[in-house]
Amino acid sequence: MKNRIAVVLFALLPILMFAPKHAPAQEPSTGARKVVTRVTPQYPNIARRMSIQGNVRVDVLVAPNGAVRAVEVKGGHPVLADAAQNALRQWKWEPAAHETHETIELKFNP
């Protein structure tokens, strides 16, 4: 049994060593664009009554002129996600040569 495991690990080692760490076409932006206008999300009343708190992670597609083109929630409670999306649609970034994806994480604490 130990020999089988050793053989499998030995066979997989070169594959893992030379496999690419990430796919460059799918790599998100590192947030290089500066936020010019930031709108604080409204904490939903229902979330306050239910003591819902946490983080919402969002991918924002920003146009070259700095306006938000699309907002996609990547994680977080749905009630909080709606508030995050509404606020992020109003954010503005500094202009750039091309559109970018910005990953934003908003924290909601009552």
Protein backbone atom coordinates (compact mmCIF):
# COMPACT_ATOMS: atom_id res chain seq x y z
CA MET A 1 0.00 0.00 0.00
CA LYS A 2 2.79 2.44 0.89
CA ASN A 3 4.53 1.62 -2.38
CA ARG A 4 1.40 2.49 -4.37
CA ILE A 5 1.11 5.85 -2.64
CA ALA A 6 4.79 6.55 -3.24
CA VAL A 7 4.47 5.66 -6.94
CA VAL A 8 1.40 7.89 -7.37
CA LEU A 9 3.07 10.80 -5.60
CA PHE A 10 6.24 10.31 -7.62
CA ALA A 11 4.20 10.35 -10.85
CA LEU A 12 2.22 13.47 -9.86
CA LEU A 13 5.16 15.49 -8.61
CA PRO A 14 6.46 16.60 -12.06
CA ILE A 15 2.94 17.51 -13.15
CA LEU A 16 2.38 19.67 -10.09
CA MET A 17 5.80 21.27 -10.36
CA PHE A 18 5.28 22.44 -13.95
CA ALA A 19 1.55 23.22 -13.84
CA PRO A 20 0.75 26.93 -14.17
CA LYS A 21 -0.12 28.60 -10.90
CA HIS A 22 -3.04 30.54 -12.44
CA ALA A 23 -4.63 31.34 -15.76
CA PRO A 24 -3.59 34.91 -16.65
CA ALA A 25 -6.78 35.57 -18.63
CA GLN A 26 -8.89 34.92 -15.54
CA GLU A 27 -6.73 36.69 -12.98
CA PRO A 28 -8.69 39.47 -11.29
CA SER A 29 -7.35 42.99 -11.09
CA THR A 30 -5.28 43.72 -8.03
CA GLY A 31 -7.33 46.82 -7.41
CA ALA A 32 -4.82 49.17 -9.02
CA ARG A 33 -7.48 51.75 -9.88
CA LYS A 34 -8.18 54.32 -7.23
CA VAL A 35 -11.74 54.85 -6.03
CA VAL A 36 -12.73 58.49 -6.56
CA THR A 37 -16.31 58.38 -5.19
CA ARG A 38 -17.31 55.85 -2.54
CA VAL A 39 -20.92 55.40 -1.35
CA THR A 40 -21.48 53.65 1.99
CA PRO A 41 -24.10 50.88 1.75
CA GLN A 42 -27.31 51.28 3.72
CA TYR A 43 -27.55 48.61 6.44
CA PRO A 44 -30.91 46.90 5.69
CA ASN A 45 -33.52 47.15 8.47
CA ILE A 46 -34.40 43.48 8.12
CA ALA A 47 -30.73 42.55 8.56
CA ARG A 48 -30.60 44.68 11.71
CA ARG A 49 -33.77 43.05 13.12
CA MET A 50 -32.43 39.57 12.34
CA SER A 51 -28.90 40.42 13.57
CA ILE A 52 -27.41 39.54 10.20
CA GLN A 53 -23.85 40.72 9.76
CA GLY A 54 -20.85 39.74 7.70
CA ASN A 55 -18.88 40.48 4.57
CA VAL A 56 -20.03 40.72 0.98
CA ARG A 57 -17.43 40.07 -1.73
CA VAL A 58 -18.19 41.62 -5.12
CA ASP A 59 -16.58 41.76 -8.55
CA VAL A 60 -17.13 45.15 -10.17
CA LEU A 61 -16.57 45.70 -13.90
CA VAL A 62 -15.39 49.29 -14.28
CA ALA A 63 -15.52 51.12 -17.62
CA PRO A 64 -12.53 53.12 -18.90
CA ASN A 65 -14.21 56.36 -17.75
CA GLY A 66 -14.48 55.02 -14.17
CA ALA A 67 -18.21 54.27 -14.15
CA VAL A 68 -19.54 50.90 -12.99
CA ARG A 69 -20.66 48.64 -15.85
CA ALA A 70 -21.59 45.52 -13.89
CA VAL A 71 -21.68 44.24 -10.32
CA GLU A 72 -21.48 40.51 -9.54
CA VAL A 73 -21.77 39.20 -5.99
CA LYS A 74 -19.21 36.50 -5.26
CA GLY A 75 -20.16 35.80 -1.64
CA GLY A 76 -22.18 37.02 1.31
CA HIS A 77 -25.71 36.98 2.70
CA PRO A 78 -28.31 37.84 0.01
CA VAL A 79 -29.93 40.60 2.12
CA LEU A 80 -26.57 42.28 2.57
CA ALA A 81 -25.60 41.63 -1.05
CA ASP A 82 -28.49 43.75 -2.33
CA ALA A 83 -27.35 46.69 -0.22
CA ALA A 84 -23.76 46.23 -1.40
CA GLN A 85 -24.79 46.16 -5.06
CA ASN A 86 -26.92 49.30 -4.70
CA ALA A 87 -24.02 51.22 -3.15
CA LEU A 88 -21.34 49.94 -5.53
CA ARG A 89 -23.34 50.96 -8.60
CA GLN A 90 -22.80 54.55 -7.44
CA TRP A 91 -19.01 54.27 -6.97
CA LYS A 92 -16.61 55.96 -9.42
CA TRP A 93 -13.01 55.03 -10.17
CA GLU A 94 -10.23 57.03 -11.75
CA PRO A 95 -10.12 56.82 -15.57
CA ALA A 96 -7.98 54.12 -17.21
CA ALA A 97 -7.06 52.98 -20.72
CA HIS A 98 -9.36 49.93 -20.55
CA GLU A 99 -12.07 48.39 -18.41
CA THR A 100 -11.00 46.50 -15.32
CA HIS A 101 -12.40 44.08 -12.78
CA GLU A 102 -12.14 45.30 -9.21
CA THR A 103 -12.75 42.96 -6.28
CA ILE A 104 -14.38 44.73 -3.34
CA GLU A 105 -15.24 43.36 0.08
CA LEU A 106 -17.73 45.31 2.17
CA LYS A 107 -18.25 44.65 5.89
CA PHE A 108 -21.66 44.90 7.46
CA ASN A 109 -21.84 45.26 11.25
CA PRO A 110 -24.96 46.65 13.00
